[in-house]
Amino acid sequence: MRKTDVKTNGGNWVMEDHKENFEERYADAQKRIRRLKGFYSHLGAYITVNILIVFLNINNLEPGESYFKFENFFTAFFWGLGLLAHGVSVFGHHLVFGKKWEERKIREFMEQEKQDRWE
């Protein structure tokens, strides 16, 4: 995020770049929407294809044969791992790298910079 310019106007604080700040936030929101749409498209494809695979596998079973074999779950399992990773990349980064983490790191870097400058 860009640093906003702040000036005093007769003792009042005035933010000068509201427009740029709004445009940056709007661009970020658009990027998040694209990521969400990508994930939901991926999820829809996963569900559709795996339902089709289950249907085909059930129709190809021999009489008395069990459906519960690894080969029947191979695609769902490994594609599911990929879908999980995609979900974590879209939703999970806020859990690990949330606002509090960002603020703490900023303070840490500022303190380190301050100490380095005085040494």
N, C-alpha and C. Protein backbone atom coordinates (compact mmCIF):
# COMPACT_ATOMS: atom_id res chain seq x y z
N MET A 1 0.83 -1.16 0.00
CA MET A 1 0.00 0.00 0.00
C MET A 1 0.89 1.24 0.00
N ARG A 2 0.48 2.27 -0.73
CA ARG A 2 1.25 3.49 -0.83
C ARG A 2 1.07 4.38 0.39
N LYS A 3 2.13 5.02 0.79
CA LYS A 3 2.05 5.95 1.90
C LYS A 3 1.28 7.18 1.46
N THR A 4 0.34 7.60 2.27
CA THR A 4 -0.45 8.78 1.93
C THR A 4 0.26 10.03 2.41
N ASP A 5 0.13 11.11 1.65
CA ASP A 5 0.71 12.39 2.03
C ASP A 5 -0.25 13.09 2.98
N VAL A 6 0.27 13.55 4.09
CA VAL A 6 -0.55 14.23 5.09
C VAL A 6 0.02 15.62 5.31
N LYS A 7 -0.85 16.63 5.25
CA LYS A 7 -0.43 18.00 5.51
C LYS A 7 -1.39 18.62 6.51
N THR A 8 -0.90 19.62 7.19
CA THR A 8 -1.79 20.32 8.11
C THR A 8 -2.44 21.48 7.38
N ASN A 9 -3.67 21.73 7.70
CA ASN A 9 -4.43 22.82 7.12
C ASN A 9 -5.10 23.56 8.27
N GLY A 10 -4.43 24.54 8.79
CA GLY A 10 -4.99 25.28 9.93
C GLY A 10 -5.18 24.40 11.15
N GLY A 11 -4.25 23.49 11.39
CA GLY A 11 -4.36 22.61 12.55
C GLY A 11 -5.10 21.32 12.27
N ASN A 12 -5.73 21.19 11.11
CA ASN A 12 -6.45 19.97 10.75
C ASN A 12 -5.57 19.11 9.83
N TRP A 13 -5.69 17.83 9.98
CA TRP A 13 -4.94 16.91 9.13
C TRP A 13 -5.75 16.62 7.88
N VAL A 14 -5.09 16.66 6.70
CA VAL A 14 -5.77 16.45 5.43
C VAL A 14 -5.05 15.35 4.66
N MET A 15 -5.79 14.35 4.20
CA MET A 15 -5.23 13.29 3.38
C MET A 15 -5.29 13.75 1.93
N GLU A 16 -4.16 13.70 1.22
CA GLU A 16 -4.12 14.25 -0.13
C GLU A 16 -4.40 13.25 -1.23
N ASP A 17 -4.14 11.97 -1.02
CA ASP A 17 -4.28 11.06 -2.15
C ASP A 17 -5.40 10.04 -1.95
N HIS A 18 -6.59 10.49 -1.62
CA HIS A 18 -7.73 9.60 -1.48
C HIS A 18 -7.98 8.81 -2.76
N LYS A 19 -7.85 9.49 -3.90
CA LYS A 19 -8.15 8.85 -5.17
C LYS A 19 -7.20 7.69 -5.45
N GLU A 20 -5.89 7.90 -5.26
CA GLU A 20 -4.93 6.83 -5.49
C GLU A 20 -5.16 5.68 -4.52
N ASN A 21 -5.45 6.00 -3.26
CA ASN A 21 -5.69 4.98 -2.25
C ASN A 21 -6.91 4.15 -2.65
N PHE A 22 -7.97 4.81 -3.10
CA PHE A 22 -9.17 4.09 -3.54
C PHE A 22 -8.86 3.21 -4.73
N GLU A 23 -8.09 3.73 -5.69
CA GLU A 23 -7.75 2.95 -6.88
C GLU A 23 -6.92 1.72 -6.53
N GLU A 24 -6.00 1.86 -5.58
CA GLU A 24 -5.19 0.73 -5.14
C GLU A 24 -6.06 -0.33 -4.47
N ARG A 25 -6.96 0.13 -3.60
CA ARG A 25 -7.85 -0.81 -2.91
C ARG A 25 -8.78 -1.50 -3.90
N TYR A 26 -9.26 -0.75 -4.90
CA TYR A 26 -10.13 -1.31 -5.92
C TYR A 26 -9.39 -2.38 -6.73
N ALA A 27 -8.14 -2.09 -7.11
CA ALA A 27 -7.33 -3.05 -7.86
C ALA A 27 -7.08 -4.31 -7.02
N ASP A 28 -6.82 -4.12 -5.72
CA ASP A 28 -6.62 -5.27 -4.83
C ASP A 28 -7.89 -6.11 -4.74
N ALA A 29 -9.04 -5.44 -4.64
CA ALA A 29 -10.32 -6.15 -4.57
C ALA A 29 -10.57 -6.93 -5.85
N GLN A 30 -10.26 -6.35 -6.99
CA GLN A 30 -10.43 -7.05 -8.26
C GLN A 30 -9.54 -8.29 -8.31
N LYS A 31 -8.32 -8.17 -7.83
CA LYS A 31 -7.39 -9.29 -7.82
C LYS A 31 -7.93 -10.41 -6.92
N ARG A 32 -8.46 -10.06 -5.74
CA ARG A 32 -9.02 -11.06 -4.84
C ARG A 32 -10.23 -11.75 -5.46
N ILE A 33 -11.07 -10.99 -6.18
CA ILE A 33 -12.24 -11.57 -6.85
C ILE A 33 -11.79 -12.57 -7.91
N ARG A 34 -10.78 -12.23 -8.69
CA ARG A 34 -10.26 -13.16 -9.71
C ARG A 34 -9.75 -14.44 -9.07
N ARG A 35 -9.07 -14.31 -7.94
CA ARG A 35 -8.55 -15.49 -7.25
C ARG A 35 -9.69 -16.35 -6.72
N LEU A 36 -10.73 -15.71 -6.16
CA LEU A 36 -11.90 -16.46 -5.67
C LEU A 36 -12.62 -17.17 -6.81
N LYS A 37 -12.82 -16.46 -7.92
CA LYS A 37 -13.48 -17.08 -9.08
C LYS A 37 -12.67 -18.26 -9.59
N GLY A 38 -11.36 -18.12 -9.62
CA GLY A 38 -10.50 -19.21 -10.05
C GLY A 38 -10.64 -20.43 -9.15
N PHE A 39 -10.68 -20.19 -7.84
CA PHE A 39 -10.83 -21.31 -6.90
C PHE A 39 -12.18 -21.98 -7.07
N TYR A 40 -13.26 -21.19 -7.16
CA TYR A 40 -14.59 -21.78 -7.28
C TYR A 40 -14.76 -22.52 -8.60
N SER A 41 -14.13 -22.05 -9.66
CA SER A 41 -14.15 -22.77 -10.94
C SER A 41 -13.42 -24.11 -10.80
N HIS A 42 -12.28 -24.08 -10.12
CA HIS A 42 -11.50 -25.29 -9.87
C HIS A 42 -12.33 -26.28 -9.05
N LEU A 43 -13.00 -25.79 -8.01
CA LEU A 43 -13.84 -26.64 -7.16
C LEU A 43 -14.99 -27.25 -7.97
N GLY A 44 -15.63 -26.45 -8.81
CA GLY A 44 -16.72 -26.95 -9.64
C GLY A 44 -16.26 -28.04 -10.59
N ALA A 45 -15.10 -27.83 -11.21
CA ALA A 45 -14.54 -28.85 -12.12
C ALA A 45 -14.21 -30.12 -11.35
N TYR A 46 -13.62 -29.98 -10.15
CA TYR A 46 -13.28 -31.13 -9.32
C TYR A 46 -14.51 -31.96 -8.99
N ILE A 47 -15.57 -31.30 -8.56
CA ILE A 47 -16.80 -32.01 -8.19
C ILE A 47 -17.42 -32.69 -9.40
N THR A 48 -17.53 -31.96 -10.51
CA THR A 48 -18.14 -32.51 -11.72
C THR A 48 -17.38 -33.71 -12.25
N VAL A 49 -16.08 -33.58 -12.40
CA VAL A 49 -15.28 -34.67 -12.95
C VAL A 49 -15.28 -35.88 -12.03
N ASN A 50 -15.20 -35.65 -10.72
CA ASN A 50 -15.18 -36.80 -9.80
C ASN A 50 -16.52 -37.51 -9.72
N ILE A 51 -17.62 -36.78 -9.86
CA ILE A 51 -18.94 -37.44 -9.92
C ILE A 51 -19.00 -38.31 -11.17
N LEU A 52 -18.50 -37.79 -12.28
CA LEU A 52 -18.48 -38.56 -13.53
C LEU A 52 -17.61 -39.82 -13.38
N ILE A 53 -16.45 -39.67 -12.76
CA ILE A 53 -15.56 -40.82 -12.55
C ILE A 53 -16.23 -41.88 -11.66
N VAL A 54 -16.89 -41.45 -10.60
CA VAL A 54 -17.59 -42.39 -9.71
C VAL A 54 -18.66 -43.14 -10.50
N PHE A 55 -19.44 -42.41 -11.28
CA PHE A 55 -20.49 -43.02 -12.08
C PHE A 55 -19.91 -44.06 -13.05
N LEU A 56 -18.84 -43.70 -13.76
CA LEU A 56 -18.22 -44.63 -14.70
C LEU A 56 -17.63 -45.84 -14.00
N ASN A 57 -16.99 -45.63 -12.87
CA ASN A 57 -16.40 -46.75 -12.12
C ASN A 57 -17.47 -47.70 -11.60
N ILE A 58 -18.57 -47.16 -11.13
CA ILE A 58 -19.65 -48.03 -10.62
C ILE A 58 -20.24 -48.85 -11.77
N ASN A 59 -20.41 -48.23 -12.94
CA ASN A 59 -20.96 -48.95 -14.08
C ASN A 59 -20.03 -50.03 -14.61
N ASN A 60 -18.73 -49.90 -14.37
CA ASN A 60 -17.75 -50.87 -14.88
C ASN A 60 -17.39 -51.95 -13.86
N LEU A 61 -18.05 -51.98 -12.72
CA LEU A 61 -17.77 -53.00 -11.71
C LEU A 61 -18.30 -54.37 -12.15
N GLU A 62 -17.52 -55.38 -11.87
CA GLU A 62 -17.97 -56.76 -12.09
C GLU A 62 -18.94 -57.12 -10.97
N PRO A 63 -19.85 -58.04 -11.19
CA PRO A 63 -20.76 -58.47 -10.12
C PRO A 63 -19.97 -58.97 -8.90
N GLY A 64 -20.30 -58.43 -7.74
CA GLY A 64 -19.65 -58.82 -6.49
C GLY A 64 -18.34 -58.09 -6.22
N GLU A 65 -17.86 -57.29 -7.15
CA GLU A 65 -16.60 -56.55 -6.98
C GLU A 65 -16.84 -55.32 -6.10
N SER A 66 -15.90 -55.04 -5.22
CA SER A 66 -16.02 -53.89 -4.32
C SER A 66 -15.57 -52.61 -5.02
N TYR A 67 -16.26 -51.55 -4.73
CA TYR A 67 -15.88 -50.25 -5.31
C TYR A 67 -14.67 -49.65 -4.59
N PHE A 68 -14.48 -50.03 -3.34
CA PHE A 68 -13.47 -49.39 -2.50
C PHE A 68 -12.07 -49.95 -2.76
N LYS A 69 -11.49 -49.48 -3.86
CA LYS A 69 -10.12 -49.80 -4.24
C LYS A 69 -9.39 -48.47 -4.48
N PHE A 70 -8.09 -48.48 -4.27
CA PHE A 70 -7.32 -47.23 -4.41
C PHE A 70 -7.46 -46.62 -5.79
N GLU A 71 -7.48 -47.46 -6.81
CA GLU A 71 -7.55 -46.95 -8.18
C GLU A 71 -8.82 -46.14 -8.44
N ASN A 72 -9.88 -46.40 -7.68
CA ASN A 72 -11.12 -45.64 -7.85
C ASN A 72 -11.06 -44.27 -7.17
N PHE A 73 -10.10 -44.09 -6.29
CA PHE A 73 -9.99 -42.83 -5.56
C PHE A 73 -8.72 -42.06 -5.90
N PHE A 74 -7.93 -42.58 -6.82
CA PHE A 74 -6.64 -41.99 -7.17
C PHE A 74 -6.79 -40.54 -7.63
N THR A 75 -7.65 -40.29 -8.60
CA THR A 75 -7.84 -38.93 -9.13
C THR A 75 -8.38 -37.99 -8.07
N ALA A 76 -9.41 -38.44 -7.36
CA ALA A 76 -10.02 -37.59 -6.33
C ALA A 76 -9.01 -37.22 -5.25
N PHE A 77 -8.17 -38.18 -4.86
CA PHE A 77 -7.20 -37.93 -3.80
C PHE A 77 -6.14 -36.92 -4.22
N PHE A 78 -5.46 -37.19 -5.34
CA PHE A 78 -4.36 -36.31 -5.73
C PHE A 78 -4.84 -34.96 -6.24
N TRP A 79 -5.93 -34.94 -6.97
CA TRP A 79 -6.50 -33.67 -7.40
C TRP A 79 -7.01 -32.91 -6.17
N GLY A 80 -7.54 -33.64 -5.20
CA GLY A 80 -7.99 -33.02 -3.95
C GLY A 80 -6.86 -32.34 -3.21
N LEU A 81 -5.67 -32.94 -3.23
CA LEU A 81 -4.50 -32.29 -2.62
C LEU A 81 -4.18 -30.98 -3.34
N GLY A 82 -4.25 -31.00 -4.67
CA GLY A 82 -4.02 -29.78 -5.44
C GLY A 82 -5.07 -28.73 -5.15
N LEU A 83 -6.32 -29.17 -5.01
CA LEU A 83 -7.41 -28.24 -4.69
C LEU A 83 -7.23 -27.66 -3.29
N LEU A 84 -6.78 -28.48 -2.36
CA LEU A 84 -6.51 -28.00 -1.00
C LEU A 84 -5.41 -26.93 -1.02
N ALA A 85 -4.35 -27.18 -1.78
CA ALA A 85 -3.27 -26.19 -1.89
C ALA A 85 -3.79 -24.90 -2.52
N HIS A 86 -4.64 -25.02 -3.53
CA HIS A 86 -5.24 -23.84 -4.17
C HIS A 86 -6.09 -23.08 -3.15
N GLY A 87 -6.89 -23.80 -2.37
CA GLY A 87 -7.72 -23.16 -1.35
C GLY A 87 -6.90 -22.44 -0.29
N VAL A 88 -5.81 -23.05 0.13
CA VAL A 88 -4.94 -22.41 1.13
C VAL A 88 -4.31 -21.15 0.54
N SER A 89 -3.94 -21.20 -0.74
CA SER A 89 -3.34 -20.01 -1.36
C SER A 89 -4.36 -18.87 -1.48
N VAL A 90 -5.64 -19.21 -1.62
CA VAL A 90 -6.67 -18.17 -1.75
C VAL A 90 -7.17 -17.70 -0.38
N PHE A 91 -7.45 -18.65 0.52
CA PHE A 91 -8.07 -18.30 1.80
C PHE A 91 -7.13 -18.34 2.98
N GLY A 92 -6.11 -19.18 2.94
CA GLY A 92 -5.29 -19.45 4.11
C GLY A 92 -4.20 -18.46 4.41
N HIS A 93 -3.76 -17.67 3.41
CA HIS A 93 -2.64 -16.76 3.67
C HIS A 93 -3.01 -15.70 4.70
N HIS A 94 -4.30 -15.42 4.88
CA HIS A 94 -4.71 -14.46 5.90
C HIS A 94 -4.57 -15.04 7.30
N LEU A 95 -4.65 -16.37 7.40
CA LEU A 95 -4.50 -17.01 8.70
C LEU A 95 -3.07 -16.90 9.19
N VAL A 96 -2.12 -17.05 8.29
CA VAL A 96 -0.70 -17.02 8.66
C VAL A 96 -0.16 -15.59 8.59
N PHE A 97 -0.47 -14.90 7.50
CA PHE A 97 0.08 -13.57 7.28
C PHE A 97 -1.03 -12.51 7.34
N GLY A 98 -1.71 -12.44 8.47
CA GLY A 98 -2.81 -11.50 8.65
C GLY A 98 -2.31 -10.10 8.99
N LYS A 99 -3.26 -9.23 9.27
CA LYS A 99 -2.95 -7.83 9.58
C LYS A 99 -2.04 -7.69 10.80
N LYS A 100 -2.31 -8.47 11.85
CA LYS A 100 -1.49 -8.37 13.06
C LYS A 100 -0.05 -8.75 12.77
N TRP A 101 0.13 -9.80 11.96
CA TRP A 101 1.48 -10.22 11.58
C TRP A 101 2.17 -9.11 10.82
N GLU A 102 1.47 -8.50 9.86
CA GLU A 102 2.06 -7.40 9.07
C GLU A 102 2.48 -6.25 9.97
N GLU A 103 1.60 -5.85 10.86
CA GLU A 103 1.90 -4.73 11.76
C GLU A 103 3.10 -5.05 12.65
N ARG A 104 3.14 -6.28 13.16
CA ARG A 104 4.25 -6.68 14.03
C ARG A 104 5.57 -6.66 13.25
N LYS A 105 5.57 -7.15 12.01
CA LYS A 105 6.77 -7.15 11.19
C LYS A 105 7.22 -5.73 10.83
N ILE A 106 6.27 -4.86 10.54
CA ILE A 106 6.60 -3.47 10.23
C ILE A 106 7.28 -2.83 11.42
N ARG A 107 6.70 -3.02 12.60
CA ARG A 107 7.31 -2.45 13.82
C ARG A 107 8.71 -3.03 14.04
N GLU A 108 8.85 -4.32 13.81
CA GLU A 108 10.15 -4.98 13.98
C GLU A 108 11.19 -4.40 13.03
N PHE A 109 10.84 -4.23 11.76
CA PHE A 109 11.78 -3.67 10.79
C PHE A 109 12.11 -2.22 11.10
N MET A 110 11.12 -1.46 11.56
CA MET A 110 11.36 -0.06 11.91
C MET A 110 12.31 0.04 13.10
N GLU A 111 12.14 -0.82 14.08
CA GLU A 111 13.03 -0.82 15.25
C GLU A 111 14.44 -1.23 14.84
N GLN A 112 14.54 -2.22 13.97
CA GLN A 112 15.84 -2.66 13.50
C GLN A 112 16.54 -1.54 12.73
N GLU A 113 15.80 -0.85 11.87
CA GLU A 113 16.34 0.28 11.11
C GLU A 113 16.82 1.38 12.06
N LYS A 114 16.04 1.65 13.08
CA LYS A 114 16.38 2.69 14.06
C LYS A 114 17.67 2.33 14.79
N GLN A 115 17.81 1.07 15.20
CA GLN A 115 19.01 0.63 15.90
C GLN A 115 20.22 0.67 14.98
N ASP A 116 20.06 0.25 13.73
CA ASP A 116 21.17 0.26 12.78
C ASP A 116 21.65 1.68 12.51
N ARG A 117 20.72 2.62 12.46
CA ARG A 117 21.07 4.00 12.16
C ARG A 117 21.83 4.63 13.32
N TRP A 118 21.55 4.24 14.56
CA TRP A 118 22.21 4.85 15.70
C TRP A 118 23.53 4.19 16.04
N GLU A 119 23.84 3.07 15.42
CA GLU A 119 25.11 2.38 15.73
C GLU A 119 26.23 2.88 14.88
